[in-house]
PDB file of N, CA and C in Angstrom:
ATOM      1  N   MET A   1     102.622   7.168  77.253  1.00  0.00           N
ATOM      2  CA  MET A   1     101.432   7.059  78.019  1.00  0.00           C
ATOM      3  C   MET A   1     100.873   7.982  76.394  1.00  0.00           C
ATOM      4  N   ASN A   2     101.498   8.832  76.105  1.00  0.00           N
ATOM      5  CA  ASN A   2     101.467   9.673  75.144  1.00  0.00           C
ATOM      6  C   ASN A   2     101.115   9.027  73.647  1.00  0.00           C
ATOM      7  N   HIS A   3     101.912   8.096  73.528  1.00  0.00           N
ATOM      8  CA  HIS A   3     101.572   7.257  72.436  1.00  0.00           C
ATOM      9  C   HIS A   3     100.361   6.238  72.565  1.00  0.00           C
ATOM     10  N   MET A   4     100.442   5.547  73.775  1.00  0.00           N
ATOM     11  CA  MET A   4      99.267   5.134  73.481  1.00  0.00           C
ATOM     12  C   MET A   4      97.692   5.591  73.287  1.00  0.00           C
ATOM     13  N   ASN A   5      97.727   7.178  73.860  1.00  0.00           N
ATOM     14  CA  ASN A   5      96.490   7.444  73.675  1.00  0.00           C
ATOM     15  C   ASN A   5      96.192   8.169  72.228  1.00  0.00           C
ATOM     16  N   ASN A   6      97.661   8.195  71.747  1.00  0.00           N
ATOM     17  CA  ASN A   6      97.411   8.217  70.317  1.00  0.00           C
ATOM     18  C   ASN A   6      97.198   7.293  69.098  1.00  0.00           C
ATOM     19  N   ASN A   7      97.177   6.285  69.896  1.00  0.00           N
ATOM     20  CA  ASN A   7      96.970   4.530  69.000  1.00  0.00           C
ATOM     21  C   ASN A   7      95.334   4.875  69.458  1.00  0.00           C
ATOM     22  N   MET A   8      95.041   4.760  70.487  1.00  0.00           N
ATOM     23  CA  MET A   8      93.632   4.586  70.646  1.00  0.00           C
ATOM     24  C   MET A   8      92.762   5.704  70.110  1.00  0.00           C
ATOM     25  N   ASP A   9      93.125   6.981  70.012  1.00  0.00           N
ATOM     26  CA  ASP A   9      92.371   7.652  69.380  1.00  0.00           C
ATOM     27  C   ASP A   9      92.979   7.553  68.096  1.00  0.00           C
ATOM     28  N   GLN A  10      93.989   7.285  67.770  1.00  0.00           N
ATOM     29  CA  GLN A  10      93.597   6.578  66.418  1.00  0.00           C
ATOM     30  C   GLN A  10      93.040   5.463  65.946  1.00  0.00           C
ATOM     31  N   ARG A  11      92.540   4.520  66.624  1.00  0.00           N
ATOM     32  CA  ARG A  11      92.029   3.170  66.215  1.00  0.00           C
ATOM     33  C   ARG A  11      89.875   3.917  66.614  1.00  0.00           C
ATOM     34  N   ASP A  12      89.934   4.609  67.514  1.00  0.00           N
ATOM     35  CA  ASP A  12      88.852   5.532  67.498  1.00  0.00           C
ATOM     36  C   ASP A  12      88.128   5.987  66.215  1.00  0.00           C
ATOM     37  N   GLY A  13      88.955   6.759  65.902  1.00  0.00           N
ATOM     38  CA  GLY A  13      88.866   7.522  64.314  1.00  0.00           C
ATOM     39  C   GLY A  13      88.620   6.469  63.426  1.00  0.00           C
ATOM     40  N   GLU A  14      89.171   5.647  63.327  1.00  0.00           N
ATOM     41  CA  GLU A  14      89.154   4.241  62.375  1.00  0.00           C
ATOM     42  C   GLU A  14      88.032   3.773  62.480  1.00  0.00           C
ATOM     43  N   GLU A  15      87.577   3.639  63.725  1.00  0.00           N
ATOM     44  CA  GLU A  15      86.279   2.783  63.560  1.00  0.00           C
ATOM     45  C   GLU A  15      84.905   3.667  63.099  1.00  0.00           C
ATOM     46  N   ALA A  16      85.310   4.988  63.778  1.00  0.00           N
ATOM     47  CA  ALA A  16      83.960   5.801  63.871  1.00  0.00           C
ATOM     48  C   ALA A  16      83.903   5.759  62.083  1.00  0.00           C
ATOM     49  N   ASP A  17      85.467   6.269  61.676  1.00  0.00           N
ATOM     50  CA  ASP A  17      85.204   6.124  59.977  1.00  0.00           C
ATOM     51  C   ASP A  17      84.394   5.138  59.480  1.00  0.00           C
ATOM     52  N   SER A  18      84.843   4.052  60.017  1.00  0.00           N
ATOM     53  CA  SER A  18      84.400   2.312  59.582  1.00  0.00           C
ATOM     54  C   SER A  18      83.051   2.371  59.483  1.00  0.00           C
ATOM     55  N   LEU A  19      82.875   2.645  60.709  1.00  0.00           N
ATOM     56  CA  LEU A  19      81.042   2.911  61.270  1.00  0.00           C
ATOM     57  C   LEU A  19      79.920   3.998  60.432  1.00  0.00           C
ATOM     58  N   GLU A  20      81.077   5.403  59.812  1.00  0.00           N
ATOM     59  CA  GLU A  20      80.629   6.152  58.988  1.00  0.00           C
ATOM     60  C   GLU A  20      80.877   5.464  57.867  1.00  0.00           C
ATOM     61  N   PHE A  21      81.185   4.945  57.116  1.00  0.00           N
ATOM     62  CA  PHE A  21      81.019   4.338  55.929  1.00  0.00           C
ATOM     63  C   PHE A  21      80.014   3.348  56.180  1.00  0.00           C
ATOM     64  N   ILE A  22      79.768   2.762  56.704  1.00  0.00           N
ATOM     65  CA  ILE A  22      78.943   1.345  57.216  1.00  0.00           C
ATOM     66  C   ILE A  22      77.629   2.336  56.661  1.00  0.00           C
ATOM     67  N   GLN A  23      77.296   3.127  57.695  1.00  0.00           N
ATOM     68  CA  GLN A  23      76.144   3.940  57.468  1.00  0.00           C
ATOM     69  C   GLN A  23      75.887   4.408  56.145  1.00  0.00           C
ATOM     70  N   ILE A  24      76.783   5.322  55.519  1.00  0.00           N
ATOM     71  CA  ILE A  24      76.676   5.623  53.970  1.00  0.00           C
ATOM     72  C   ILE A  24      76.033   4.449  52.901  1.00  0.00           C
ATOM     73  N   ILE A  25      76.867   3.079  53.217  1.00  0.00           N
ATOM     74  CA  ILE A  25      76.598   2.363  52.049  1.00  0.00           C
ATOM     75  C   ILE A  25      75.268   1.748  52.873  1.00  0.00           C
ATOM     76  N   SER A  26      74.513   1.446  53.884  1.00  0.00           N
ATOM     77  CA  SER A  26      73.584   1.672  54.538  1.00  0.00           C
ATOM     78  C   SER A  26      72.406   1.890  53.679  1.00  0.00           C
ATOM     79  N   LYS A  27      72.973   3.691  53.501  1.00  0.00           N
ATOM     80  CA  LYS A  27      71.657   4.378  53.327  1.00  0.00           C
ATOM     81  C   LYS A  27      71.618   4.563  51.832  1.00  0.00           C
ATOM     82  N   ILE A  28      72.948   3.959  50.964  1.00  0.00           N
ATOM     83  CA  ILE A  28      72.526   3.822  49.498  1.00  0.00           C
ATOM     84  C   ILE A  28      71.869   2.705  49.294  1.00  0.00           C
ATOM     85  N   GLN A  29      72.315   1.884  49.551  1.00  0.00           N
ATOM     86  CA  GLN A  29      71.462   0.277  49.869  1.00  0.00           C
ATOM     87  C   GLN A  29      69.893   0.930  49.751  1.00  0.00           C
ATOM     88  N   ARG A  30      69.234   1.792  50.732  1.00  0.00           N
ATOM     89  CA  ARG A  30      68.236   1.869  50.881  1.00  0.00           C
ATOM     90  C   ARG A  30      67.134   2.880  49.691  1.00  0.00           C
ATOM     91  N   VAL A  31      68.089   3.437  49.445  1.00  0.00           N
ATOM     92  CA  VAL A  31      67.983   4.530  48.226  1.00  0.00           C
ATOM     93  C   VAL A  31      67.899   3.836  47.338  1.00  0.00           C
ATOM     94  N   VAL A  32      69.157   2.781  46.641  1.00  0.00           N
ATOM     95  CA  VAL A  32      68.376   1.680  45.521  1.00  0.00           C
ATOM     96  C   VAL A  32      67.729   1.202  46.042  1.00  0.00           C
ATOM     97  N   LYS A  33      66.973   0.611  46.685  1.00  0.00           N
ATOM     98  CA  LYS A  33      65.750  -0.554  46.980  1.00  0.00           C
ATOM     99  C   LYS A  33      64.474   0.609  46.586  1.00  0.00           C
ATOM    100  N   GLU A  34      64.507   2.062  47.658  1.00  0.00           N
ATOM    101  CA  GLU A  34      63.452   2.629  47.157  1.00  0.00           C
ATOM    102  C   GLU A  34      63.606   2.710  45.728  1.00  0.00           C
ATOM    103  N   ASN A  35      64.088   3.117  44.961  1.00  0.00           N
ATOM    104  CA  ASN A  35      64.285   3.851  43.564  1.00  0.00           C
ATOM    105  C   ASN A  35      63.810   2.666  42.434  1.00  0.00           C
ATOM    106  N   LYS A  36      64.400   1.183  42.712  1.00  0.00           N
ATOM    107  CA  LYS A  36      63.628  -0.358  42.271  1.00  0.00           C
ATOM    108  C   LYS A  36      62.200   0.085  42.466  1.00  0.00           C
ATOM    109  N   GLU A  37      61.457   0.369  43.759  1.00  0.00           N
ATOM    110  CA  GLU A  37      60.148   0.284  43.619  1.00  0.00           C
ATOM    111  C   GLU A  37      59.315   1.551  43.561  1.00  0.00           C
ATOM    112  N   LEU A  38      59.902   2.615  43.327  1.00  0.00           N
ATOM    113  CA  LEU A  38      59.486   3.640  42.652  1.00  0.00           C
ATOM    114  C   LEU A  38      59.256   3.312  41.190  1.00  0.00           C
ATOM    115  N   LYS A  39      60.903   2.709  40.477  1.00  0.00           N
ATOM    116  CA  LYS A  39      60.490   2.556  39.136  1.00  0.00           C
ATOM    117  C   LYS A  39      59.329   1.353  39.043  1.00  0.00           C
ATOM    118  N   ARG A  40      59.313  -0.007  39.379  1.00  0.00           N
ATOM    119  CA  ARG A  40      58.220  -0.710  38.990  1.00  0.00           C
ATOM    120  C   ARG A  40      57.425  -0.223  39.459  1.00  0.00           C
ATOM    121  N   LYS A  41      56.454   0.701  40.566  1.00  0.00           N
ATOM    122  CA  LYS A  41      55.395   1.582  40.221  1.00  0.00           C
ATOM    123  C   LYS A  41      55.096   1.909  38.957  1.00  0.00           C
ATOM    124  N   ASN A  42      56.136   3.124  38.419  1.00  0.00           N
ATOM    125  CA  ASN A  42      56.254   4.406  37.574  1.00  0.00           C
ATOM    126  C   ASN A  42      56.194   3.320  35.765  1.00  0.00           C
ATOM    127  N   HIS A  43      56.343   1.995  35.943  1.00  0.00           N
ATOM    128  CA  HIS A  43      56.035   1.033  34.486  1.00  0.00           C
ATOM    129  C   HIS A  43      54.657   0.633  35.231  1.00  0.00           C
ATOM    130  N   HIS A  44      54.178   0.083  36.072  1.00  0.00           N
ATOM    131  CA  HIS A  44      52.573  -0.024  36.142  1.00  0.00           C
ATOM    132  C   HIS A  44      51.651   0.967  35.854  1.00  0.00           C
ATOM    133  N   LEU A  45      52.526   1.945  36.713  1.00  0.00           N
ATOM    134  CA  LEU A  45      51.788   3.864  35.675  1.00  0.00           C
ATOM    135  C   LEU A  45      51.327   3.767  34.600  1.00  0.00           C
ATOM    136  N   ILE A  46      52.600   3.312  33.911  1.00  0.00           N
ATOM    137  CA  ILE A  46      52.310   3.525  32.286  1.00  0.00           C
ATOM    138  C   ILE A  46      51.521   2.713  31.708  1.00  0.00           C
ATOM    139  N   SER A  47      51.909   1.282  32.014  1.00  0.00           N
ATOM    140  CA  SER A  47      51.368   0.490  32.023  1.00  0.00           C
ATOM    141  C   SER A  47      49.419   0.869  31.527  1.00  0.00           C
ATOM    142  N   GLN A  48      48.972   1.069  32.687  1.00  0.00           N
ATOM    143  CA  GLN A  48      47.901   1.266  33.115  1.00  0.00           C
ATOM    144  C   GLN A  48      47.455   2.659  32.089  1.00  0.00           C
ATOM    145  N   ASN A  49      48.640   3.785  31.738  1.00  0.00           N
ATOM    146  CA  ASN A  49      47.882   4.615  31.417  1.00  0.00           C
ATOM    147  C   ASN A  49      47.938   4.430  29.884  1.00  0.00           C
ATOM    148  N   ARG A  50      48.730   3.429  29.470  1.00  0.00           N
ATOM    149  CA  ARG A  50      48.555   3.098  27.777  1.00  0.00           C
ATOM    150  C   ARG A  50      46.925   2.261  27.556  1.00  0.00           C
ATOM    151  N   GLN A  51      46.879   1.749  29.053  1.00  0.00           N
ATOM    152  CA  GLN A  51      45.433   0.831  28.358  1.00  0.00           C
ATOM    153  C   GLN A  51      44.476   1.931  28.820  1.00  0.00           C
ATOM    154  N   LEU A  52      44.258   2.979  29.863  1.00  0.00           N
ATOM    155  CA  LEU A  52      43.103   3.537  29.464  1.00  0.00           C
ATOM    156  C   LEU A  52      43.605   4.496  28.418  1.00  0.00           C
ATOM    157  N   ALA A  53      44.267   4.840  27.616  1.00  0.00           N
ATOM    158  CA  ALA A  53      44.011   5.768  26.447  1.00  0.00           C
ATOM    159  C   ALA A  53      43.902   4.989  25.052  1.00  0.00           C
ATOM    160  N   ALA A  54      44.059   3.316  24.929  1.00  0.00           N
ATOM    161  CA  ALA A  54      43.583   2.649  24.098  1.00  0.00           C
ATOM    162  C   ALA A  54      41.688   2.603  24.681  1.00  0.00           C
ATOM    163  N   ARG A  55      41.226   2.161  25.584  1.00  0.00           N
ATOM    164  CA  ARG A  55      40.095   2.451  25.871  1.00  0.00           C
ATOM    165  C   ARG A  55      39.361   3.929  25.517  1.00  0.00           C
ATOM    166  N   HIS A  56      40.093   4.811  25.822  1.00  0.00           N
ATOM    167  CA  HIS A  56      39.998   6.173  25.813  1.00  0.00           C
ATOM    168  C   HIS A  56      39.465   6.472  23.966  1.00  0.00           C
ATOM    169  N   GLN A  57      40.480   5.930  23.283  1.00  0.00           N
ATOM    170  CA  GLN A  57      40.493   6.115  21.461  1.00  0.00           C
ATOM    171  C   GLN A  57      39.462   5.095  21.110  1.00  0.00           C
ATOM    172  N   LEU A  58      38.908   3.669  21.866  1.00  0.00           N
ATOM    173  CA  LEU A  58      37.975   2.585  21.622  1.00  0.00           C
ATOM    174  C   LEU A  58      36.532   3.084  21.636  1.00  0.00           C
ATOM    175  N   LEU A  59      36.354   4.155  22.799  1.00  0.00           N
ATOM    176  CA  LEU A  59      35.200   5.065  23.597  1.00  0.00           C
ATOM    177  C   LEU A  59      34.876   5.773  22.342  1.00  0.00           C
ATOM    178  N   GLU A  60      35.481   6.856  21.772  1.00  0.00           N
ATOM    179  CA  GLU A  60      36.044   8.205  21.177  1.00  0.00           C
ATOM    180  C   GLU A  60      35.228   7.310  19.575  1.00  0.00           C
ATOM    181  N   LEU A  61      35.945   6.201  19.161  1.00  0.00           N
ATOM    182  CA  LEU A  61      35.342   5.378  17.781  1.00  0.00           C
ATOM    183  C   LEU A  61      34.481   5.048  17.846  1.00  0.00           C
ATOM    184  N   GLN A  62      33.510   4.676  18.945  1.00  0.00           N
ATOM    185  CA  GLN A  62      32.124   4.368  19.484  1.00  0.00           C
ATOM    186  C   GLN A  62      31.219   5.278  19.845  1.00  0.00           C
ATOM    187  N   ILE A  63      31.602   6.315  19.885  1.00  0.00           N
ATOM    188  CA  ILE A  63      30.662   7.565  20.161  1.00  0.00           C
ATOM    189  C   ILE A  63      30.199   8.035  18.858  1.00  0.00           C
ATOM    190  N   ASN A  64      32.075   8.496  17.652  1.00  0.00           N
ATOM    191  CA  ASN A  64      31.697   8.478  16.597  1.00  0.00           C
ATOM    192  C   ASN A  64      30.417   7.720  15.710  1.00  0.00           C
ATOM    193  N   GLU A  65      30.766   6.572  15.632  1.00  0.00           N
ATOM    194  CA  GLU A  65      29.796   5.548  15.028  1.00  0.00           C
ATOM    195  C   GLU A  65      28.357   5.926  15.603  1.00  0.00           C
ATOM    196  N   TYR A  66      28.102   5.869  17.204  1.00  0.00           N
ATOM    197  CA  TYR A  66      26.769   6.473  17.448  1.00  0.00           C
ATOM    198  C   TYR A  66      26.174   7.935  16.835  1.00  0.00           C
ATOM    199  N   MET A  67      27.410   8.773  16.944  1.00  0.00           N
ATOM    200  CA  MET A  67      26.725   9.718  16.048  1.00  0.00           C
ATOM    201  C   MET A  67      26.534   9.795  15.017  1.00  0.00           C
ATOM    202  N   SER A  68      27.028   9.014  14.048  1.00  0.00           N
ATOM    203  CA  SER A  68      26.485   8.693  12.484  1.00  0.00           C
ATOM    204  C   SER A  68      25.634   8.250  12.536  1.00  0.00           C
ATOM    205  N   LEU A  69      25.386   7.371  12.716  1.00  0.00           N
ATOM    206  CA  LEU A  69      24.140   6.680  13.575  1.00  0.00           C
ATOM    207  C   LEU A  69      22.883   6.897  13.828  1.00  0.00           C
ATOM    208  N   VAL A  70      22.911   8.210  14.682  1.00  0.00           N
ATOM    209  CA  VAL A  70      21.990   8.755  15.460  1.00  0.00           C
ATOM    210  C   VAL A  70      21.919   9.931  13.998  1.00  0.00           C
ATOM    211  N   GLN A  71      22.727  10.488  13.468  1.00  0.00           N
ATOM    212  CA  GLN A  71      22.241  11.557  12.578  1.00  0.00           C
ATOM    213  C   GLN A  71      21.470  10.684  11.451  1.00  0.00           C
ATOM    214  N   GLU A  72      22.310   9.724  11.012  1.00  0.00           N
ATOM    215  CA  GLU A  72      21.232   8.521   9.804  1.00  0.00           C
ATOM    216  C   GLU A  72      20.078   8.390  10.298  1.00  0.00           C
ATOM    217  N   MET A  73      19.705   8.258  11.337  1.00  0.00           N
ATOM    218  CA  MET A  73      17.906   8.011  12.216  1.00  0.00           C
ATOM    219  C   MET A  73      17.002   9.328  11.801  1.00  0.00           C
ATOM    220  N   GLU A  74      18.437  10.642  12.489  1.00  0.00           N
ATOM    221  CA  GLU A  74      17.663  11.656  12.264  1.00  0.00           C
ATOM    222  C   GLU A  74      16.777  12.273  10.805  1.00  0.00           C
ATOM    223  N   GLN A  75      17.578  11.563   9.995  1.00  0.00           N
ATOM    224  CA  GLN A  75      17.616  12.030   8.663  1.00  0.00           C
ATOM    225  C   GLN A  75      16.486  10.763   8.466  1.00  0.00           C
ATOM    226  N   GLN A  76      16.065  10.028   8.477  1.00  0.00           N
ATOM    227  CA  GLN A  76      14.874   8.971   8.290  1.00  0.00           C
ATOM    228  C   GLN A  76      14.011   9.371   8.491  1.00  0.00           C
ATOM    229  N   LEU A  77      13.801   9.744  10.181  1.00  0.00           N
ATOM    230  CA  LEU A  77      12.833  10.043  10.858  1.00  0.00           C
ATOM    231  C   LEU A  77      12.342  11.779   9.713  1.00  0.00           C
ATOM    232  N   LEU A  78      13.576  12.452   9.408  1.00  0.00           N
ATOM    233  CA  LEU A  78      13.050  13.898   9.036  1.00  0.00           C
ATOM    234  C   LEU A  78      12.010  13.706   7.336  1.00  0.00           C
ATOM    235  N   THR A  79      12.743  12.736   6.397  1.00  0.00           N
ATOM    236  CA  THR A  79      12.073  12.565   5.398  1.00  0.00           C
ATOM    237  C   THR A  79      10.726  11.388   5.756  1.00  0.00           C
ATOM    238  N   GLN A  80      10.937  10.812   6.247  1.00  0.00           N
ATOM    239  CA  GLN A  80       9.707  10.420   6.853  1.00  0.00           C
ATOM    240  C   GLN A  80       8.641  10.725   7.496  1.00  0.00           C
ATOM    241  N   HIS A  81       9.053  12.505   8.108  1.00  0.00           N
ATOM    242  CA  HIS A  81       7.909  13.060   8.379  1.00  0.00           C
ATOM    243  C   HIS A  81       7.707  13.835   7.373  1.00  0.00           C
ATOM    244  N   GLU A  82       8.213  14.269   6.932  1.00  0.00           N
ATOM    245  CA  GLU A  82       7.915  15.153   5.629  1.00  0.00           C
ATOM    246  C   GLU A  82       7.157  14.285   4.335  1.00  0.00           C
ATOM    247  N   TYR A  83       7.341  13.117   4.000  1.00  0.00           N
ATOM    248  CA  TYR A  83       6.384  12.469   3.676  1.00  0.00           C
ATOM    249  C   TYR A  83       4.954  12.425   4.411  1.00  0.00           C
ATOM    250  N   VAL A  84       4.882  11.879   5.158  1.00  0.00           N
ATOM    251  CA  VAL A  84       3.790  11.963   5.639  1.00  0.00           C
ATOM    252  C   VAL A  84       2.833  13.277   5.713  1.00  0.00           C
ATOM    253  N   LEU A  85       4.171  14.244   5.758  1.00  0.00           N
ATOM    254  CA  LEU A  85       3.379  15.654   5.401  1.00  0.00           C
ATOM    255  C   LEU A  85       2.760  15.986   4.224  1.00  0.00           C
ATOM    256  N   ASP A  86       3.398  15.788   3.198  1.00  0.00           N
ATOM    257  CA  ASP A  86       3.236  15.206   1.957  1.00  0.00           C
ATOM    258  C   ASP A  86       1.750  14.376   1.589  1.00  0.00           C
ATOM    259  N   SER A  87       1.450  14.027   2.490  1.00  0.00           N
ATOM    260  CA  SER A  87       0.619  12.488   2.298  1.00  0.00           C
ATOM    261  C   SER A  87      -0.422  13.240   2.549  1.00  0.00           C
ATOM    262  N   MET A  88      -0.796  13.836   3.834  1.00  0.00           N
ATOM    263  CA  MET A  88      -1.343  14.486   4.906  1.00  0.00           C
ATOM    264  C   MET A  88      -2.209  15.115   3.906  1.00  0.00           C
ATOM    265  N   GLN A  89      -1.149  16.262   3.167  1.00  0.00           N
ATOM    266  CA  GLN A  89      -1.503  17.375   2.353  1.00  0.00           C
ATOM    267  C   GLN A  89      -1.746  17.038   1.118  1.00  0.00           C
ATOM    268  N   THR A  90      -2.065  16.106   0.506  1.00  0.00           N
ATOM    269  CA  THR A  90      -2.516  15.594  -0.785  1.00  0.00           C
ATOM    270  C   THR A  90      -4.088  14.900  -0.336  1.00  0.00           C
ATOM    271  N   ASN A  91      -3.642  13.938   0.589  1.00  0.00           N
ATOM    272  CA  ASN A  91      -5.263  13.644   1.543  1.00  0.00           C
ATOM    273  C   ASN A  91      -6.616  14.635   1.681  1.00  0.00           C
ATOM    274  N   GLN A  92      -5.936  15.433   2.433  1.00  0.00           N
ATOM    275  CA  GLN A  92      -6.714  17.067   2.528  1.00  0.00           C
ATOM    276  C   GLN A  92      -6.572  17.240   1.477  1.00  0.00           C
ATOM    277  N   ALA A  93      -6.486  17.669  -0.005  1.00  0.00           N
ATOM    278  CA  ALA A  93      -6.983  18.476  -1.175  1.00  0.00           C
ATOM    279  C   ALA A  93      -7.751  17.354  -1.885  1.00  0.00           C
ATOM    280  N   ARG A  94      -7.486  16.385  -1.697  1.00  0.00           N
ATOM    281  CA  ARG A  94      -8.693  15.405  -2.488  1.00  0.00           C
ATOM    282  C   ARG A  94      -9.869  14.922  -1.799  1.00  0.00           C
ATOM    283  N   SER A  95      -9.573  15.211  -0.072  1.00  0.00           N
ATOM    284  CA  SER A  95     -11.188  14.813   0.364  1.00  0.00           C
ATOM    285  C   SER A  95     -11.730  16.066   0.729  1.00  0.00           C
ATOM    286  N   LYS A  96     -12.816  15.679   0.648  1.00  0.00           N
ATOM    287  CA  LYS A  96     -14.146  16.909   0.774  1.00  0.00           C
ATOM    288  C   LYS A  96     -15.337  16.095   2.274  1.00  0.00           C
ATOM    289  N   ASN A  97     -15.412  16.799   2.933  1.00  0.00           N
ATOM    290  CA  ASN A  97     -16.123  16.848   4.034  1.00  0.00           C
ATOM    291  C   ASN A  97     -17.519  17.690   4.084  1.00  0.00           C
ATOM    292  N   LEU A  98     -19.010  16.474   4.582  1.00  0.00           N
ATOM    293  CA  LEU A  98     -20.103  17.306   4.400  1.00  0.00           C
ATOM    294  C   LEU A  98     -21.038  16.930   5.187  1.00  0.00           C
ATOM    295  N   LEU A  99     -21.155  17.946   6.489  1.00  0.00           N
ATOM    296  CA  LEU A  99     -22.009  17.804   7.382  1.00  0.00           C
ATOM    297  C   LEU A  99     -23.340  17.244   7.261  1.00  0.00           C
ATOM    298  N   TYR A 100     -24.269  16.215   7.411  1.00  0.00           N
ATOM    299  CA  TYR A 100     -25.781  15.747   7.162  1.00  0.00           C
ATOM    300  C   TYR A 100     -26.242  15.260   7.775  1.00  0.00           C
ATOM    301  N   LEU A 101     -27.614  16.151   8.327  1.00  0.00           N
ATOM    302  CA  LEU A 101     -28.485  16.246   9.198  1.00  0.00           C
ATOM    303  C   LEU A 101     -29.602  15.424   8.903  1.00  0.00           C
ATOM    304  N   ASP A 102     -29.828  14.374   9.454  1.00  0.00           N
ATOM    305  CA  ASP A 102     -30.753  13.296   9.198  1.00  0.00           C
ATOM    306  C   ASP A 102     -32.361  13.902   9.725  1.00  0.00           C
ATOM    307  N   ASN A 103     -33.384  13.517   9.297  1.00  0.00           N
ATOM    308  CA  ASN A 103     -34.872  13.200   9.729  1.00  0.00           C
ATOM    309  C   ASN A 103     -35.046  13.271  10.750  1.00  0.00           C
ATOM    310  N   PHE A 104     -34.026  12.378  11.799  1.00  0.00           N
ATOM    311  CA  PHE A 104     -34.190  11.988  13.122  1.00  0.00           C
ATOM    312  C   PHE A 104     -33.046  12.759  14.086  1.00  0.00           C
ATOM    313  N   GLY A 105     -32.441  14.055  13.844  1.00  0.00           N
ATOM    314  CA  GLY A 105     -32.027  15.233  14.069  1.00  0.00           C
ATOM    315  C   GLY A 105     -30.185  14.619  14.653  1.00  0.00           C
ATOM    316  N   HIS A 106     -29.864  13.730  14.181  1.00  0.00           N
ATOM    317  CA  HIS A 106     -28.377  13.007  14.357  1.00  0.00           C
ATOM    318  C   HIS A 106     -27.175  13.798  13.152  1.00  0.00           C
ATOM    319  N   THR A 107     -26.203  14.214  13.007  1.00  0.00           N
ATOM    320  CA  THR A 107     -25.611  14.531  12.765  1.00  0.00           C
ATOM    321  C   THR A 107     -24.404  13.851  12.267  1.00  0.00           C
ATOM    322  N   TYR A 108     -24.336  13.729  11.168  1.00  0.00           N
ATOM    323  CA  TYR A 108     -23.327  12.805  10.229  1.00  0.00           C
ATOM    324  C   TYR A 108     -22.121  13.556   9.298  1.00  0.00           C
ATOM    325  N   LEU A 109     -21.085  13.175   9.563  1.00  0.00           N
ATOM    326  CA  LEU A 109     -19.372  13.692   9.122  1.00  0.00           C
ATOM    327  C   LEU A 109     -18.793  13.026   8.145  1.00  0.00           C
ATOM    328  N   ILE A 110     -19.734  13.461   6.684  1.00  0.00           N
ATOM    329  CA  ILE A 110     -19.158  12.284   5.775  1.00  0.00           C
ATOM    330  C   ILE A 110     -18.059  12.706   5.232  1.00  0.00           C
ATOM    331  N   ASN A 111     -16.890  12.157   5.067  1.00  0.00           N
ATOM    332  CA  ASN A 111     -15.525  12.543   4.268  1.00  0.00           C
ATOM    333  C   ASN A 111     -15.305  11.177   2.841  1.00  0.00           C
ATOM    334  N   TYR A 112     -15.336  12.353   2.076  1.00  0.00           N
ATOM    335  CA  TYR A 112     -14.704  11.616   0.766  1.00  0.00           C
ATOM    336  C   TYR A 112     -14.035  12.483  -0.618  1.00  0.00           C
ATOM    337  N   LEU A 113     -13.279  11.218  -0.888  1.00  0.00           N
ATOM    338  CA  LEU A 113     -12.339  11.377  -2.088  1.00  0.00           C
ATOM    339  C   LEU A 113     -12.648  11.835  -3.031  1.00  0.00           C
ATOM    340  N   ASP A 114     -12.104  13.462  -3.330  1.00  0.00           N
ATOM    341  CA  ASP A 114     -12.510  13.803  -4.742  1.00  0.00           C
ATOM    342  C   ASP A 114     -11.193  14.077  -6.512  1.00  0.00           C
ATOM    343  N   GLU A 115     -11.979  12.580  -6.905  1.00  0.00           N
ATOM    344  CA  GLU A 115     -10.522  12.452  -7.844  1.00  0.00           C
ATOM    345  C   GLU A 115     -10.919  12.765  -8.761  1.00  0.00           C
TER     346      GLU A 115
END
């Protein structure tokens, strides 16, 4: 009877070990599967990150180009403004204004160039 109990205990122990081994294998398979999924997601994120970096670089180049154009336009505007001011000063220096009052009480502003 004692021998039989030992055999049954041994068989129960082997079955418990076998069950524990199956559970460990099952956990390993789940971890491997999760790892594969995480790697896939990671590759996707890396790809998205590279795309965003390329877009960012393109936007920086465009901003630099636009800023260059803005500076060029500002310079043209300043040059035109200076030209207009010089032109106005030249015209003012050459022009003379006279107020003329006629016989009927009307006042006229007469502007002529002194050349």
